[in-house]
Amino acid sequence: MKKIRIFVMMVLLGVLFPIHTALACSCTIDAWTQESSAENIQNSTMIFEGEAVRISSPSLEGRIRQILEDVLGKNLTDVPPNKSPYYSKLKLKVSNFYKGQRQDTVTAFFMAKSSCLAYEINKGKKILFMLYDSDGLLIVPSACGHYISDSDREALLRGDYKGK
């Protein structure tokens, strides 16, 4: 009888708290190729080197909803990033511009605590940002949408990137 209870408990735990794969991004299979690098650069709205000067965190409500979505496997809210409790807002200071409309500062959004985020964003840390337009808002893509090969990155930095 005790073995049956343990078995039932294990099944319930497995149903209530499913184990996800370690690599949560479904796009990663083909994401790290030279072709993907060229597509990511072509599809991006802006590419620049810069640093975050302000990072706003999502609300507590957003973090609770995100946990519920993970447990339930459902999307509870489908709103734009500037109104979503799942996204953090960034104010970015641009130091070197490579693609897009040149600006000194840029406002963008990224999915907070996503396992697919391309890089860790810390205030004051200079990195290469690749942003995409989403209904007029700039979004930091997932890891798959951010990959740039070393040769493409060097060409961008030199200013002689030719594309596909």
N, C-alpha and C. Protein backbone atom coordinates (compact mmCIF):
# COMPACT_ATOMS: atom_id res chain seq x y z
N MET A 1 0.82 -1.20 0.00
CA MET A 1 0.00 0.00 0.00
C MET A 1 0.86 1.26 0.00
N LYS A 2 1.96 1.23 0.76
CA LYS A 2 2.85 2.38 0.84
C LYS A 2 3.50 2.65 -0.51
N LYS A 3 3.85 1.59 -1.25
CA LYS A 3 4.47 1.74 -2.56
C LYS A 3 3.49 2.38 -3.55
N ILE A 4 2.23 2.05 -3.45
CA ILE A 4 1.22 2.63 -4.34
C ILE A 4 1.07 4.12 -4.06
N ARG A 5 1.05 4.50 -2.79
CA ARG A 5 0.96 5.92 -2.43
C ARG A 5 2.16 6.70 -2.95
N ILE A 6 3.33 6.13 -2.82
CA ILE A 6 4.54 6.79 -3.32
C ILE A 6 4.46 6.94 -4.84
N PHE A 7 4.02 5.89 -5.53
CA PHE A 7 3.89 5.94 -6.98
C PHE A 7 2.89 7.03 -7.41
N VAL A 8 1.74 7.07 -6.75
CA VAL A 8 0.72 8.08 -7.07
C VAL A 8 1.27 9.48 -6.81
N MET A 9 1.99 9.66 -5.72
CA MET A 9 2.59 10.96 -5.40
C MET A 9 3.59 11.36 -6.47
N MET A 10 4.40 10.44 -6.94
CA MET A 10 5.39 10.75 -7.98
C MET A 10 4.70 11.13 -9.29
N VAL A 11 3.64 10.43 -9.64
CA VAL A 11 2.89 10.76 -10.86
C VAL A 11 2.28 12.16 -10.74
N LEU A 12 1.68 12.46 -9.60
CA LEU A 12 1.09 13.79 -9.39
C LEU A 12 2.15 14.89 -9.46
N LEU A 13 3.29 14.66 -8.86
CA LEU A 13 4.37 15.65 -8.92
C LEU A 13 4.84 15.86 -10.36
N GLY A 14 4.91 14.78 -11.12
CA GLY A 14 5.32 14.88 -12.52
C GLY A 14 4.31 15.64 -13.36
N VAL A 15 3.04 15.49 -13.07
CA VAL A 15 1.99 16.21 -13.80
C VAL A 15 1.94 17.68 -13.38
N LEU A 16 2.03 17.93 -12.08
CA LEU A 16 1.94 19.30 -11.59
C LEU A 16 3.19 20.11 -11.86
N PHE A 17 4.34 19.48 -11.83
CA PHE A 17 5.61 20.18 -12.03
C PHE A 17 6.44 19.46 -13.09
N PRO A 18 6.03 19.60 -14.36
CA PRO A 18 6.75 18.87 -15.42
C PRO A 18 8.18 19.37 -15.56
N ILE A 19 9.06 18.47 -15.94
CA ILE A 19 10.45 18.82 -16.17
C ILE A 19 10.59 19.28 -17.61
N HIS A 20 11.21 20.44 -17.77
CA HIS A 20 11.42 20.98 -19.11
C HIS A 20 12.84 20.67 -19.55
N THR A 21 13.06 20.70 -20.87
CA THR A 21 14.39 20.45 -21.37
C THR A 21 15.32 21.57 -20.94
N ALA A 22 16.59 21.26 -20.87
CA ALA A 22 17.58 22.24 -20.43
C ALA A 22 17.71 23.39 -21.41
N LEU A 23 17.52 23.14 -22.70
CA LEU A 23 17.62 24.17 -23.71
C LEU A 23 16.20 24.51 -24.14
N ALA A 24 15.64 25.54 -23.54
CA ALA A 24 14.23 25.84 -23.71
C ALA A 24 13.90 26.47 -25.06
N CYS A 25 14.87 27.01 -25.75
CA CYS A 25 14.60 27.68 -27.02
C CYS A 25 14.49 26.64 -28.13
N SER A 26 13.33 26.55 -28.74
CA SER A 26 13.12 25.56 -29.79
C SER A 26 13.87 25.90 -31.07
N CYS A 27 14.30 27.14 -31.21
CA CYS A 27 14.96 27.56 -32.44
C CYS A 27 16.45 27.23 -32.47
N THR A 28 17.01 26.76 -31.38
CA THR A 28 18.47 26.63 -31.29
C THR A 28 19.08 25.61 -32.23
N ILE A 29 18.31 24.70 -32.75
CA ILE A 29 18.87 23.67 -33.61
C ILE A 29 19.59 24.29 -34.81
N ASP A 30 18.99 25.27 -35.46
CA ASP A 30 19.58 25.89 -36.65
C ASP A 30 20.05 27.32 -36.41
N ALA A 31 20.11 27.75 -35.18
CA ALA A 31 20.36 29.16 -34.89
C ALA A 31 21.81 29.59 -35.03
N TRP A 32 22.74 28.70 -34.94
CA TRP A 32 24.15 29.09 -34.84
C TRP A 32 24.91 28.86 -36.15
N THR A 33 24.32 29.19 -37.28
CA THR A 33 24.96 29.02 -38.57
C THR A 33 25.29 30.38 -39.18
N GLN A 34 26.17 30.36 -40.20
CA GLN A 34 26.51 31.59 -40.91
C GLN A 34 25.26 32.17 -41.58
N GLU A 35 24.41 31.29 -42.09
CA GLU A 35 23.17 31.74 -42.74
C GLU A 35 22.24 32.43 -41.73
N SER A 36 22.14 31.87 -40.53
CA SER A 36 21.32 32.49 -39.48
C SER A 36 21.88 33.84 -39.09
N SER A 37 23.19 33.95 -39.02
CA SER A 37 23.83 35.21 -38.69
C SER A 37 23.43 36.29 -39.70
N ALA A 38 23.52 35.97 -40.99
CA ALA A 38 23.15 36.93 -42.04
C ALA A 38 21.68 37.30 -41.96
N GLU A 39 20.81 36.32 -41.71
CA GLU A 39 19.36 36.58 -41.59
C GLU A 39 19.07 37.47 -40.38
N ASN A 40 19.74 37.21 -39.26
CA ASN A 40 19.52 38.00 -38.05
C ASN A 40 19.91 39.46 -38.28
N ILE A 41 21.05 39.67 -38.94
CA ILE A 41 21.48 41.03 -39.24
C ILE A 41 20.51 41.71 -40.19
N GLN A 42 20.10 40.99 -41.22
CA GLN A 42 19.18 41.55 -42.21
C GLN A 42 17.83 41.90 -41.58
N ASN A 43 17.32 41.05 -40.71
CA ASN A 43 16.00 41.25 -40.12
C ASN A 43 15.98 42.22 -38.95
N SER A 44 17.14 42.56 -38.41
CA SER A 44 17.17 43.47 -37.26
C SER A 44 16.87 44.89 -37.70
N THR A 45 16.33 45.66 -36.78
CA THR A 45 16.03 47.07 -37.02
C THR A 45 17.23 47.94 -36.67
N MET A 46 17.92 47.58 -35.58
CA MET A 46 19.07 48.35 -35.10
C MET A 46 20.14 47.41 -34.59
N ILE A 47 21.39 47.81 -34.83
CA ILE A 47 22.53 47.12 -34.21
C ILE A 47 23.47 48.21 -33.74
N PHE A 48 23.84 48.15 -32.46
CA PHE A 48 24.76 49.14 -31.92
C PHE A 48 25.44 48.60 -30.68
N GLU A 49 26.56 49.20 -30.35
CA GLU A 49 27.23 48.91 -29.11
C GLU A 49 26.77 49.95 -28.10
N GLY A 50 26.45 49.52 -26.92
CA GLY A 50 25.97 50.47 -25.92
C GLY A 50 25.85 49.82 -24.56
N GLU A 51 25.27 50.58 -23.64
CA GLU A 51 25.10 50.08 -22.28
C GLU A 51 23.75 50.52 -21.73
N ALA A 52 23.23 49.71 -20.84
CA ALA A 52 21.97 50.05 -20.17
C ALA A 52 22.24 51.11 -19.12
N VAL A 53 21.50 52.21 -19.18
CA VAL A 53 21.62 53.24 -18.15
C VAL A 53 20.44 53.18 -17.18
N ARG A 54 19.37 52.51 -17.60
CA ARG A 54 18.22 52.30 -16.71
C ARG A 54 17.55 50.99 -17.10
N ILE A 55 17.24 50.18 -16.11
CA ILE A 55 16.52 48.92 -16.32
C ILE A 55 15.36 48.88 -15.35
N SER A 56 14.14 48.82 -15.88
CA SER A 56 12.98 48.70 -15.00
C SER A 56 12.58 47.23 -14.93
N SER A 57 12.30 46.77 -13.75
CA SER A 57 11.91 45.37 -13.56
C SER A 57 10.41 45.20 -13.78
N PRO A 58 10.01 44.01 -14.21
CA PRO A 58 8.57 43.77 -14.31
C PRO A 58 7.94 43.76 -12.93
N SER A 59 6.66 43.96 -12.90
CA SER A 59 5.94 44.02 -11.62
C SER A 59 5.89 42.64 -10.96
N LEU A 60 5.59 42.64 -9.67
CA LEU A 60 5.41 41.40 -8.93
C LEU A 60 4.27 40.59 -9.55
N GLU A 61 3.21 41.29 -9.96
CA GLU A 61 2.08 40.62 -10.62
C GLU A 61 2.56 39.88 -11.86
N GLY A 62 3.43 40.52 -12.63
CA GLY A 62 3.95 39.88 -13.84
C GLY A 62 4.76 38.65 -13.54
N ARG A 63 5.58 38.71 -12.50
CA ARG A 63 6.38 37.55 -12.14
C ARG A 63 5.50 36.40 -11.65
N ILE A 64 4.44 36.71 -10.90
CA ILE A 64 3.50 35.68 -10.45
C ILE A 64 2.78 35.05 -11.64
N ARG A 65 2.33 35.90 -12.58
CA ARG A 65 1.67 35.37 -13.78
C ARG A 65 2.62 34.49 -14.59
N GLN A 66 3.89 34.88 -14.67
CA GLN A 66 4.86 34.10 -15.42
C GLN A 66 5.03 32.72 -14.80
N ILE A 67 5.08 32.64 -13.47
CA ILE A 67 5.18 31.36 -12.79
C ILE A 67 3.94 30.51 -13.06
N LEU A 68 2.76 31.14 -12.99
CA LEU A 68 1.52 30.40 -13.26
C LEU A 68 1.49 29.89 -14.70
N GLU A 69 1.94 30.71 -15.64
CA GLU A 69 1.98 30.27 -17.03
C GLU A 69 2.90 29.07 -17.20
N ASP A 70 4.06 29.12 -16.54
CA ASP A 70 4.99 28.00 -16.63
C ASP A 70 4.37 26.72 -16.07
N VAL A 71 3.71 26.83 -14.93
CA VAL A 71 3.10 25.65 -14.30
C VAL A 71 1.92 25.14 -15.12
N LEU A 72 1.07 26.07 -15.59
CA LEU A 72 -0.13 25.67 -16.33
C LEU A 72 0.13 25.42 -17.81
N GLY A 73 1.24 25.93 -18.31
CA GLY A 73 1.54 25.77 -19.74
C GLY A 73 0.63 26.59 -20.63
N LYS A 74 0.12 27.71 -20.13
CA LYS A 74 -0.80 28.54 -20.90
C LYS A 74 -0.34 29.99 -20.88
N ASN A 75 -0.69 30.73 -21.92
CA ASN A 75 -0.42 32.16 -21.97
C ASN A 75 -1.63 32.88 -21.38
N LEU A 76 -1.45 33.50 -20.23
CA LEU A 76 -2.57 34.16 -19.55
C LEU A 76 -2.79 35.59 -20.03
N THR A 77 -1.77 36.20 -20.59
CA THR A 77 -1.87 37.59 -21.00
C THR A 77 -1.14 37.77 -22.32
N ASP A 78 -1.79 38.38 -23.29
CA ASP A 78 -1.14 38.66 -24.56
C ASP A 78 -1.27 40.15 -24.83
N VAL A 79 -0.31 40.92 -24.31
CA VAL A 79 -0.32 42.38 -24.45
C VAL A 79 1.03 42.83 -24.99
N PRO A 80 1.11 44.03 -25.56
CA PRO A 80 2.40 44.51 -26.07
C PRO A 80 3.42 44.67 -24.95
N PRO A 81 4.72 44.57 -25.29
CA PRO A 81 5.77 44.62 -24.26
C PRO A 81 5.74 45.85 -23.37
N ASN A 82 5.36 47.02 -23.91
CA ASN A 82 5.35 48.22 -23.08
C ASN A 82 4.23 48.20 -22.05
N LYS A 83 3.28 47.27 -22.15
CA LYS A 83 2.20 47.14 -21.18
C LYS A 83 2.22 45.80 -20.47
N SER A 84 3.19 44.98 -20.82
CA SER A 84 3.24 43.63 -20.27
C SER A 84 4.05 43.59 -18.97
N PRO A 85 3.55 42.88 -17.99
CA PRO A 85 4.31 42.72 -16.75
C PRO A 85 5.47 41.74 -16.90
N TYR A 86 5.60 41.10 -18.07
CA TYR A 86 6.66 40.13 -18.31
C TYR A 86 7.94 40.78 -18.84
N TYR A 87 7.84 41.99 -19.34
CA TYR A 87 8.97 42.64 -19.98
C TYR A 87 9.59 43.72 -19.10
N SER A 88 10.90 43.81 -19.16
CA SER A 88 11.61 44.91 -18.53
C SER A 88 11.86 45.97 -19.59
N LYS A 89 11.87 47.21 -19.16
CA LYS A 89 12.12 48.33 -20.07
C LYS A 89 13.56 48.78 -19.87
N LEU A 90 14.23 49.03 -20.98
CA LEU A 90 15.62 49.46 -20.96
C LEU A 90 15.77 50.85 -21.54
N LYS A 91 16.61 51.65 -20.94
CA LYS A 91 17.07 52.87 -21.57
C LYS A 91 18.54 52.61 -21.86
N LEU A 92 18.90 52.66 -23.14
CA LEU A 92 20.24 52.30 -23.58
C LEU A 92 20.98 53.52 -24.11
N LYS A 93 22.22 53.67 -23.70
CA LYS A 93 23.08 54.73 -24.20
C LYS A 93 23.94 54.12 -25.32
N VAL A 94 23.86 54.72 -26.50
CA VAL A 94 24.56 54.20 -27.68
C VAL A 94 25.96 54.79 -27.76
N SER A 95 26.95 53.91 -27.99
CA SER A 95 28.32 54.42 -28.17
C SER A 95 28.78 54.26 -29.62
N ASN A 96 28.51 53.14 -30.25
CA ASN A 96 28.87 52.91 -31.66
C ASN A 96 27.67 52.34 -32.39
N PHE A 97 27.29 52.98 -33.49
CA PHE A 97 26.09 52.59 -34.22
C PHE A 97 26.50 51.85 -35.49
N TYR A 98 25.81 50.71 -35.80
CA TYR A 98 26.16 49.91 -36.97
C TYR A 98 25.01 49.76 -37.96
N LYS A 99 23.78 49.81 -37.49
CA LYS A 99 22.64 49.65 -38.39
C LYS A 99 21.42 50.34 -37.80
N GLY A 100 20.61 50.98 -38.66
CA GLY A 100 19.37 51.60 -38.22
C GLY A 100 19.49 53.11 -38.13
N GLN A 101 18.45 53.72 -37.63
CA GLN A 101 18.40 55.17 -37.48
C GLN A 101 19.23 55.57 -36.25
N ARG A 102 20.28 56.34 -36.49
CA ARG A 102 21.23 56.72 -35.44
C ARG A 102 20.53 57.52 -34.33
N GLN A 103 20.76 57.12 -33.09
CA GLN A 103 20.21 57.80 -31.92
C GLN A 103 21.25 57.77 -30.80
N ASP A 104 21.18 58.73 -29.90
CA ASP A 104 22.09 58.74 -28.74
C ASP A 104 21.60 57.80 -27.64
N THR A 105 20.28 57.74 -27.47
CA THR A 105 19.68 56.82 -26.49
C THR A 105 18.53 56.09 -27.17
N VAL A 106 18.30 54.87 -26.71
CA VAL A 106 17.27 54.01 -27.29
C VAL A 106 16.48 53.38 -26.16
N THR A 107 15.17 53.30 -26.31
CA THR A 107 14.32 52.58 -25.37
C THR A 107 13.95 51.24 -26.00
N ALA A 108 14.15 50.17 -25.26
CA ALA A 108 13.84 48.83 -25.76
C ALA A 108 13.25 48.00 -24.64
N PHE A 109 12.73 46.84 -24.99
CA PHE A 109 12.10 45.93 -24.03
C PHE A 109 12.69 44.54 -24.19
N PHE A 110 12.80 43.80 -23.08
CA PHE A 110 13.22 42.41 -23.16
C PHE A 110 12.45 41.58 -22.16
N MET A 111 12.25 40.30 -22.54
CA MET A 111 11.53 39.37 -21.68
C MET A 111 12.39 39.06 -20.46
N ALA A 112 11.93 39.47 -19.30
CA ALA A 112 12.70 39.27 -18.07
C ALA A 112 12.74 37.80 -17.70
N LYS A 113 13.88 37.36 -17.26
CA LYS A 113 14.09 35.99 -16.76
C LYS A 113 13.74 34.92 -17.78
N SER A 114 13.92 35.21 -19.05
CA SER A 114 13.68 34.22 -20.09
C SER A 114 14.90 33.32 -20.21
N SER A 115 14.67 32.04 -20.40
CA SER A 115 15.80 31.14 -20.60
C SER A 115 16.37 31.29 -22.01
N CYS A 116 15.69 32.04 -22.85
CA CYS A 116 16.16 32.23 -24.22
C CYS A 116 16.79 33.59 -24.45
N LEU A 117 17.01 34.38 -23.41
CA LEU A 117 17.60 35.69 -23.60
C LEU A 117 19.02 35.54 -24.11
N ALA A 118 19.38 36.36 -25.09
CA ALA A 118 20.67 36.22 -25.77
C ALA A 118 21.86 36.50 -24.86
N TYR A 119 21.72 37.41 -23.93
CA TYR A 119 22.83 37.79 -23.08
C TYR A 119 22.28 38.42 -21.81
N GLU A 120 23.12 38.47 -20.80
CA GLU A 120 22.71 39.10 -19.54
C GLU A 120 22.87 40.61 -19.69
N ILE A 121 21.84 41.35 -19.33
CA ILE A 121 21.87 42.80 -19.44
C ILE A 121 22.05 43.39 -18.05
N ASN A 122 23.18 44.06 -17.86
CA ASN A 122 23.48 44.70 -16.58
C ASN A 122 23.73 46.18 -16.81
N LYS A 123 23.30 46.99 -15.87
CA LYS A 123 23.50 48.43 -15.96
C LYS A 123 24.99 48.74 -16.04
N GLY A 124 25.36 49.55 -17.03
CA GLY A 124 26.74 49.99 -17.19
C GLY A 124 27.64 49.04 -17.95
N LYS A 125 27.18 47.84 -18.30
CA LYS A 125 27.99 46.87 -19.03
C LYS A 125 27.81 47.09 -20.54
N LYS A 126 28.88 47.41 -21.24
CA LYS A 126 28.82 47.68 -22.68
C LYS A 126 28.76 46.37 -23.46
N ILE A 127 27.74 46.23 -24.32
CA ILE A 127 27.58 45.04 -25.16
C ILE A 127 27.04 45.46 -26.52
N LEU A 128 27.04 44.52 -27.45
CA LEU A 128 26.48 44.74 -28.77
C LEU A 128 25.00 44.38 -28.72
N PHE A 129 24.13 45.35 -29.00
CA PHE A 129 22.69 45.12 -29.00
C PHE A 129 22.19 44.97 -30.44
N MET A 130 21.35 43.99 -30.65
CA MET A 130 20.64 43.82 -31.92
C MET A 130 19.16 43.86 -31.56
N LEU A 131 18.43 44.84 -32.09
CA LEU A 131 17.03 45.02 -31.73
C LEU A 131 16.13 44.81 -32.92
N TYR A 132 14.92 44.34 -32.65
CA TYR A 132 13.91 44.10 -33.68
C TYR A 132 12.69 44.98 -33.39
N ASP A 133 12.00 45.37 -34.45
CA ASP A 133 10.78 46.15 -34.31
C ASP A 133 9.60 45.21 -34.09
N SER A 134 8.77 45.55 -33.14
CA SER A 134 7.53 44.81 -32.89
C SER A 134 6.42 45.84 -32.70
N ASP A 135 5.68 46.10 -33.75
CA ASP A 135 4.59 47.09 -33.72
C ASP A 135 5.06 48.44 -33.19
N GLY A 136 6.22 48.88 -33.67
CA GLY A 136 6.74 50.19 -33.30
C GLY A 136 7.58 50.22 -32.04
N LEU A 137 7.73 49.08 -31.37
CA LEU A 137 8.56 49.00 -30.17
C LEU A 137 9.81 48.19 -30.49
N LEU A 138 10.92 48.55 -29.89
CA LEU A 138 12.17 47.82 -30.09
C LEU A 138 12.30 46.73 -29.04
N ILE A 139 12.60 45.51 -29.50
CA ILE A 139 12.65 44.34 -28.64
C ILE A 139 14.04 43.70 -28.72
N VAL A 140 14.60 43.31 -27.58
CA VAL A 140 15.81 42.50 -27.55
C VAL A 140 15.37 41.07 -27.87
N PRO A 141 15.94 40.45 -28.91
CA PRO A 141 15.48 39.12 -29.31
C PRO A 141 15.98 38.02 -28.39
N SER A 142 15.46 36.83 -28.63
CA SER A 142 15.95 35.65 -27.93
C SER A 142 17.35 35.33 -28.44
N ALA A 143 17.97 34.34 -27.84
CA ALA A 143 19.32 33.95 -28.25
C ALA A 143 19.37 33.60 -29.73
N CYS A 144 18.35 32.96 -30.23
CA CYS A 144 18.36 32.53 -31.64
C CYS A 144 18.29 33.71 -32.59
N GLY A 145 17.61 34.76 -32.23
CA GLY A 145 17.49 35.93 -33.09
C GLY A 145 18.64 36.91 -32.93
N HIS A 146 19.57 36.60 -32.06
CA HIS A 146 20.66 37.53 -31.77
C HIS A 146 22.01 37.05 -32.28
N TYR A 147 22.12 35.82 -32.70
CA TYR A 147 23.42 35.27 -33.08
C TYR A 147 24.03 36.03 -34.26
N ILE A 148 25.29 36.43 -34.10
CA ILE A 148 26.08 37.00 -35.19
C ILE A 148 27.40 36.24 -35.20
N SER A 149 27.78 35.73 -36.35
CA SER A 149 29.05 35.00 -36.44
C SER A 149 30.21 35.95 -36.18
N ASP A 150 31.35 35.40 -35.82
CA ASP A 150 32.53 36.23 -35.54
C ASP A 150 32.92 37.05 -36.77
N SER A 151 32.87 36.44 -37.96
CA SER A 151 33.27 37.17 -39.17
C SER A 151 32.29 38.30 -39.48
N ASP A 152 30.98 38.07 -39.29
CA ASP A 152 29.99 39.13 -39.51
C ASP A 152 30.14 40.24 -38.47
N ARG A 153 30.41 39.87 -37.22
CA ARG A 153 30.59 40.86 -36.15
C ARG A 153 31.79 41.75 -36.48
N GLU A 154 32.89 41.14 -36.88
CA GLU A 154 34.09 41.91 -37.23
C GLU A 154 33.82 42.85 -38.40
N ALA A 155 33.09 42.36 -39.42
CA ALA A 155 32.76 43.20 -40.58
C ALA A 155 31.86 44.37 -40.17
N LEU A 156 30.90 44.12 -39.28
CA LEU A 156 30.05 45.21 -38.77
C LEU A 156 30.88 46.26 -38.05
N LEU A 157 31.78 45.80 -37.20
CA LEU A 157 32.61 46.72 -36.42
C LEU A 157 33.55 47.52 -37.32
N ARG A 158 34.04 46.90 -38.40
CA ARG A 158 34.91 47.62 -39.35
C ARG A 158 34.11 48.55 -40.26
N GLY A 159 32.79 48.26 -40.40
CA GLY A 159 31.94 49.06 -41.28
C GLY A 159 31.90 48.57 -42.71
N ASP A 160 32.35 47.33 -42.95
CA ASP A 160 32.33 46.82 -44.33
C ASP A 160 31.49 45.54 -44.48
N TYR A 161 30.46 45.39 -43.63
CA TYR A 161 29.57 44.24 -43.74
C TYR A 161 28.77 44.33 -45.03
N LYS A 162 28.75 43.24 -45.81
CA LYS A 162 28.08 43.22 -47.12
C LYS A 162 26.75 42.47 -47.11
N GLY A 163 26.50 41.66 -46.14
CA GLY A 163 25.26 40.89 -46.09
C GLY A 163 25.35 39.62 -46.88
N LYS A 164 24.19 39.01 -47.17
CA LYS A 164 24.13 37.72 -47.89
C LYS A 164 24.74 37.82 -49.26
